[in-house]
Amino acid sequence: MKIRTLIVDDEPLARQGLRLLASDEPDLDIIGECESGADALVAIDREPPALVFLDVQMPEMDGFDMLAKLPRDRLPLVIFTTAYDHHAVRAFEAHALDYLLKPIRSARFRESVARARVHLGSQEASAAARGLIDLLAAQQSALNACPAEPFLTRLTIKSNDKVVVVKTVDIDSIESAGNYVAVNVGKDSHILRETLNGLESQLDPETFFRISRSAIVNLDRVKELQPMFKGEHVIVLHNGKRLAMTRGLRDVERALRFG
């Protein structure tokens, strides 16, 4: 029996790795790959899979958010792929069909697929789905029980073989680069795996202001507002960087506490 399988991960290399591992399992029929939770919802509605390899950490809509939007009676078997450490995946052990820690070892992959076969072959998929529902409920309860986190005061950014710590007060501006952002600090620019929307929600709005769809500025770094053509304006930062703004001038002035 062929197992209709969907791969959901925002990293192309991770999807490629899963497809390569799956190629050694003749009964896994990869029916598609998705790079976001939103794409996965469309794909699952169009062609429901029996099994999904699902990345937990994705920008904008993570794996849990995606699953929460699926009808409870249409939940597939799910094998989570995650970079969480062993302590953080205890909930998976209690409720989920299985999980794979990145980087994924081939022996562990084969073991996980074998477990999926057992569930599908013995008609235990509904039990796995109930476990998944319990996991989602536990996640939601944990969110409701925890108070809102304070705004970020520093970012940790992986750069080659090191981790750079950036204080948010030192950031000049942040610019969108797809599912990544460029965090600009003085003459340095650090690439962070996060969307602009996701990062904006974690920054203090009294300090950081979204001036366009693709840029956020530190208001303490703003030097001037300069008029351009047709009523448009640019923001000039103290480091000389110029950024076009699409937000209304009054909104920017209000944010800067102009009179």
Protein backbone atom coordinates (compact mmCIF):
# COMPACT_ATOMS: atom_id res chain seq x y z
CA MET A 1 0.00 0.00 0.00
CA LYS A 2 1.31 3.40 -0.98
CA ILE A 3 1.35 6.03 1.78
CA ARG A 4 0.43 9.43 0.38
CA THR A 5 2.93 11.76 2.02
CA LEU A 6 3.30 15.53 2.21
CA ILE A 7 6.48 17.38 3.27
CA VAL A 8 6.02 20.77 4.98
CA ASP A 9 9.14 22.80 5.83
CA ASP A 10 10.16 26.37 5.02
CA GLU A 11 13.78 25.39 4.37
CA PRO A 12 14.50 24.02 0.86
CA LEU A 13 17.46 21.96 2.09
CA ALA A 14 15.32 20.35 4.79
CA ARG A 15 12.66 19.42 2.23
CA GLN A 16 15.33 18.03 -0.06
CA GLY A 17 16.78 15.97 2.79
CA LEU A 18 13.39 14.50 3.68
CA ARG A 19 12.67 13.65 0.07
CA LEU A 20 16.06 11.92 -0.19
CA LEU A 21 15.39 9.88 2.96
CA ALA A 22 11.91 9.02 1.68
CA SER A 23 13.35 7.74 -1.60
CA ASP A 24 14.66 4.70 0.32
CA GLU A 25 11.12 3.86 1.47
CA PRO A 26 9.34 2.44 -1.61
CA ASP A 27 5.86 2.74 -0.11
CA LEU A 28 6.16 6.48 0.60
CA ASP A 29 4.47 8.36 -2.23
CA ILE A 30 5.53 12.02 -1.94
CA ILE A 31 2.55 13.90 -3.33
CA GLY A 32 3.94 17.37 -2.68
CA GLU A 33 6.16 19.78 -0.78
CA CYS A 34 5.06 22.99 0.94
CA GLU A 35 7.23 25.82 2.23
CA SER A 36 4.63 27.37 4.54
CA GLY A 37 1.69 26.47 6.72
CA ALA A 38 -0.66 28.40 4.44
CA ASP A 39 0.50 26.42 1.39
CA ALA A 40 0.08 23.18 3.35
CA LEU A 41 -3.54 23.98 4.23
CA VAL A 42 -4.33 24.44 0.54
CA ALA A 43 -2.49 21.26 -0.45
CA ILE A 44 -4.17 19.14 2.25
CA ASP A 45 -7.60 20.42 1.25
CA ARG A 46 -6.91 19.71 -2.42
CA GLU A 47 -5.28 16.29 -2.04
CA PRO A 48 -5.45 14.89 1.51
CA PRO A 49 -2.31 12.97 2.53
CA ALA A 50 -2.17 10.00 4.86
CA LEU A 51 1.12 11.18 6.39
CA VAL A 52 2.70 14.60 6.86
CA PHE A 53 6.28 15.43 7.79
CA LEU A 54 5.71 18.78 9.49
CA ASP A 55 8.28 21.37 10.58
CA VAL A 56 7.31 22.84 13.94
CA GLN A 57 9.20 26.12 13.51
CA MET A 58 8.01 28.07 10.48
CA PRO A 59 7.58 31.83 10.11
CA GLU A 60 4.12 33.44 10.17
CA MET A 61 2.25 30.14 10.68
CA ASP A 62 4.09 27.42 12.59
CA GLY A 63 3.24 23.72 12.54
CA PHE A 64 0.88 23.91 15.51
CA ASP A 65 -0.99 26.88 14.07
CA MET A 66 -1.40 25.04 10.78
CA LEU A 67 -2.78 21.90 12.41
CA ALA A 68 -5.18 23.94 14.53
CA LYS A 69 -6.83 25.18 11.32
CA LEU A 70 -7.52 21.68 9.98
CA PRO A 71 -10.90 20.01 10.59
CA ARG A 72 -10.50 17.57 13.47
CA ASP A 73 -11.99 14.73 11.42
CA ARG A 74 -9.42 15.22 8.65
CA LEU A 75 -6.19 15.21 10.62
CA PRO A 76 -3.52 13.09 8.91
CA LEU A 77 -0.80 11.16 10.66
CA VAL A 78 1.88 13.68 11.57
CA ILE A 79 5.59 13.20 12.13
CA PHE A 80 7.03 16.43 13.49
CA THR A 81 10.45 17.60 12.42
CA THR A 82 12.02 19.95 14.92
CA ALA A 83 15.23 21.51 16.17
CA TYR A 84 13.91 21.54 19.76
CA ASP A 85 16.05 19.78 22.33
CA HIS A 86 14.99 16.58 24.09
CA HIS A 87 13.45 18.36 27.07
CA ALA A 88 11.13 20.40 24.84
CA VAL A 89 9.75 17.40 22.97
CA ARG A 90 8.34 15.53 25.95
CA ALA A 91 4.88 16.66 24.86
CA PHE A 92 5.48 15.02 21.48
CA GLU A 93 6.37 11.77 23.21
CA ALA A 94 3.10 11.86 25.12
CA HIS A 95 0.74 12.88 22.32
CA ALA A 96 2.21 12.85 18.81
CA LEU A 97 2.72 9.91 16.48
CA ASP A 98 6.45 10.68 16.35
CA TYR A 99 9.01 13.43 16.00
CA LEU A 100 12.38 13.72 14.29
CA LEU A 101 15.12 15.93 15.67
CA LYS A 102 17.13 17.88 13.11
CA PRO A 103 19.57 16.96 11.65
CA ILE A 104 17.61 13.81 10.88
CA ARG A 105 19.48 10.51 10.94
CA SER A 106 18.50 7.89 8.36
CA ALA A 107 18.06 5.14 10.98
CA ARG A 108 15.73 7.36 13.02
CA PHE A 109 13.78 8.24 9.88
CA ARG A 110 13.27 4.56 9.04
CA GLU A 111 12.09 3.88 12.59
CA SER A 112 9.56 6.73 12.40
CA VAL A 113 8.19 5.58 9.05
CA ALA A 114 7.87 2.03 10.38
CA ARG A 115 5.80 3.39 13.25
CA ALA A 116 3.53 5.19 10.78
CA ARG A 117 3.06 1.95 8.83
CA VAL A 118 1.93 0.17 11.99
CA HIS A 119 -0.68 2.83 12.72
CA LEU A 120 -2.00 2.85 9.16
CA GLY A 121 -1.95 -0.94 8.86
CA SER A 122 -3.78 -1.53 12.13
CA GLN A 123 -6.32 1.26 11.66
CA GLU A 124 -4.87 3.19 14.61
CA ALA A 125 -4.69 6.45 12.69
CA SER A 126 -7.72 7.79 14.56
CA ALA A 127 -5.95 7.19 17.87
CA ALA A 128 -2.94 9.12 16.61
CA ALA A 129 -5.26 11.93 15.52
CA ARG A 130 -6.79 12.06 19.01
CA GLY A 131 -3.29 12.31 20.44
CA LEU A 132 -2.63 15.19 18.07
CA ILE A 133 -5.78 16.96 19.25
CA ASP A 134 -4.61 16.51 22.85
CA LEU A 135 -1.24 17.99 21.92
CA LEU A 136 -2.85 21.04 20.32
CA ALA A 137 -5.06 21.50 23.38
CA ALA A 138 -2.01 21.28 25.65
CA GLN A 139 -0.21 23.87 23.53
CA GLN A 140 -3.17 26.25 23.73
CA SER A 141 -3.50 25.76 27.48
CA ALA A 142 0.17 26.57 27.93
CA LEU A 143 -0.24 29.74 25.90
CA ASN A 144 -3.30 30.81 27.90
CA ALA A 145 -1.55 30.14 31.19
CA CYS A 146 1.57 32.14 30.37
CA PRO A 147 1.51 35.94 30.69
CA ALA A 148 2.52 37.97 27.68
CA GLU A 149 6.27 37.99 27.21
CA PRO A 150 8.10 41.32 27.45
CA PHE A 151 9.42 42.90 24.28
CA LEU A 152 12.77 41.69 23.02
CA THR A 153 15.83 43.48 24.40
CA ARG A 154 18.35 41.46 22.38
CA LEU A 155 18.54 39.17 19.38
CA THR A 156 20.78 36.13 18.96
CA ILE A 157 21.74 35.69 15.33
CA LYS A 158 23.66 32.75 13.89
CA SER A 159 26.51 33.87 11.64
CA ASN A 160 28.68 31.12 10.16
CA ASP A 161 30.10 29.23 13.14
CA LYS A 162 29.26 31.83 15.79
CA VAL A 163 26.25 33.49 17.41
CA VAL A 164 26.09 37.28 17.38
CA VAL A 165 24.20 38.99 20.20
CA VAL A 166 22.58 42.27 19.15
CA LYS A 167 20.93 44.63 21.63
CA THR A 168 17.70 45.95 20.17
CA VAL A 169 18.57 49.49 21.31
CA ASP A 170 21.56 49.35 18.94
CA ILE A 171 19.48 48.45 15.87
CA ASP A 172 19.13 51.19 13.25
CA SER A 173 16.64 49.52 10.94
CA ILE A 174 15.27 46.14 9.89
CA GLU A 175 14.50 45.27 6.26
CA SER A 176 12.54 42.36 4.84
CA ALA A 177 14.22 39.70 2.71
CA GLY A 178 11.45 37.16 2.11
CA ASN A 179 11.28 34.78 5.07
CA TYR A 180 14.38 36.47 6.47
CA VAL A 181 15.19 39.96 7.68
CA ALA A 182 18.34 42.08 7.54
CA VAL A 183 19.03 43.60 10.96
CA ASN A 184 21.12 46.72 10.38
CA VAL A 185 23.43 47.85 13.19
CA GLY A 186 25.88 50.60 12.25
CA LYS A 187 27.92 49.34 9.31
CA ASP A 188 26.94 45.70 9.95
CA SER A 189 23.96 43.83 8.57
CA HIS A 190 22.91 40.53 10.14
CA ILE A 191 20.55 38.05 8.47
CA LEU A 192 17.94 36.56 10.80
CA ARG A 193 15.57 33.71 9.96
CA GLU A 194 12.35 35.53 10.80
CA THR A 195 9.68 37.44 8.91
CA LEU A 196 9.25 41.17 9.32
CA ASN A 197 5.74 40.62 10.68
CA GLY A 198 6.94 38.07 13.19
CA LEU A 199 9.78 40.23 14.46
CA GLU A 200 7.66 43.39 14.58
CA SER A 201 5.25 41.75 17.04
CA GLN A 202 8.14 41.14 19.45
CA LEU A 203 9.57 44.68 19.39
CA ASP A 204 8.54 47.64 21.51
CA PRO A 205 6.21 49.80 19.34
CA GLU A 206 7.32 52.86 21.31
CA THR A 207 10.78 52.42 19.79
CA PHE A 208 10.32 50.52 16.53
CA PHE A 209 8.01 51.75 13.80
CA ARG A 210 6.94 50.08 10.53
CA ILE A 211 7.41 52.69 7.81
CA SER A 212 6.56 50.40 4.87
CA ARG A 213 5.79 46.79 4.04
CA SER A 214 9.51 46.06 3.90
CA ALA A 215 11.13 48.21 6.61
CA ILE A 216 11.06 48.99 10.33
CA VAL A 217 13.12 51.81 11.85
CA ASN A 218 14.34 52.55 15.34
CA LEU A 219 12.71 55.90 16.05
CA ASP A 220 15.70 56.93 18.17
CA ARG A 221 17.84 56.64 15.02
CA VAL A 222 15.71 58.94 12.85
CA LYS A 223 17.48 62.16 11.85
CA GLU A 224 15.20 63.70 9.21
CA LEU A 225 12.06 63.31 7.15
CA GLN A 226 12.70 64.55 3.62
CA PRO A 227 10.00 65.26 1.02
CA MET A 228 10.23 63.59 -2.39
CA PHE A 229 8.03 63.65 -5.47
CA LYS A 230 4.22 63.50 -5.40
CA GLY A 231 3.97 63.96 -1.66
CA GLU A 232 6.19 61.00 -0.84
CA HIS A 233 8.85 61.11 1.88
CA VAL A 234 12.01 59.31 2.89
CA ILE A 235 13.37 58.78 6.36
CA VAL A 236 17.04 59.60 6.90
CA LEU A 237 18.76 57.85 9.79
CA HIS A 238 21.72 59.16 11.77
CA ASN A 239 23.99 56.70 9.94
CA GLY A 240 22.99 58.28 6.62
CA LYS A 241 20.76 55.45 5.44
CA ARG A 242 17.69 56.57 3.50
CA LEU A 243 14.50 54.52 3.53
CA ALA A 244 11.35 55.15 1.55
CA MET A 245 8.19 55.30 3.64
CA THR A 246 4.67 54.45 2.60
CA ARG A 247 3.08 55.18 5.96
CA GLY A 248 1.33 58.53 6.13
CA LEU A 249 3.44 61.48 7.23
CA ARG A 250 1.12 62.20 10.15
CA ASP A 251 1.51 58.64 11.44
CA VAL A 252 5.28 58.97 11.38
CA GLU A 253 5.22 62.40 13.00
CA ARG A 254 2.92 61.08 15.71
CA ALA A 255 5.25 58.17 16.33
CA LEU A 256 8.19 60.55 16.60
CA ARG A 257 6.18 62.74 18.99
CA PHE A 258 6.32 65.75 16.69
CA GLY A 259 4.09 68.61 17.70
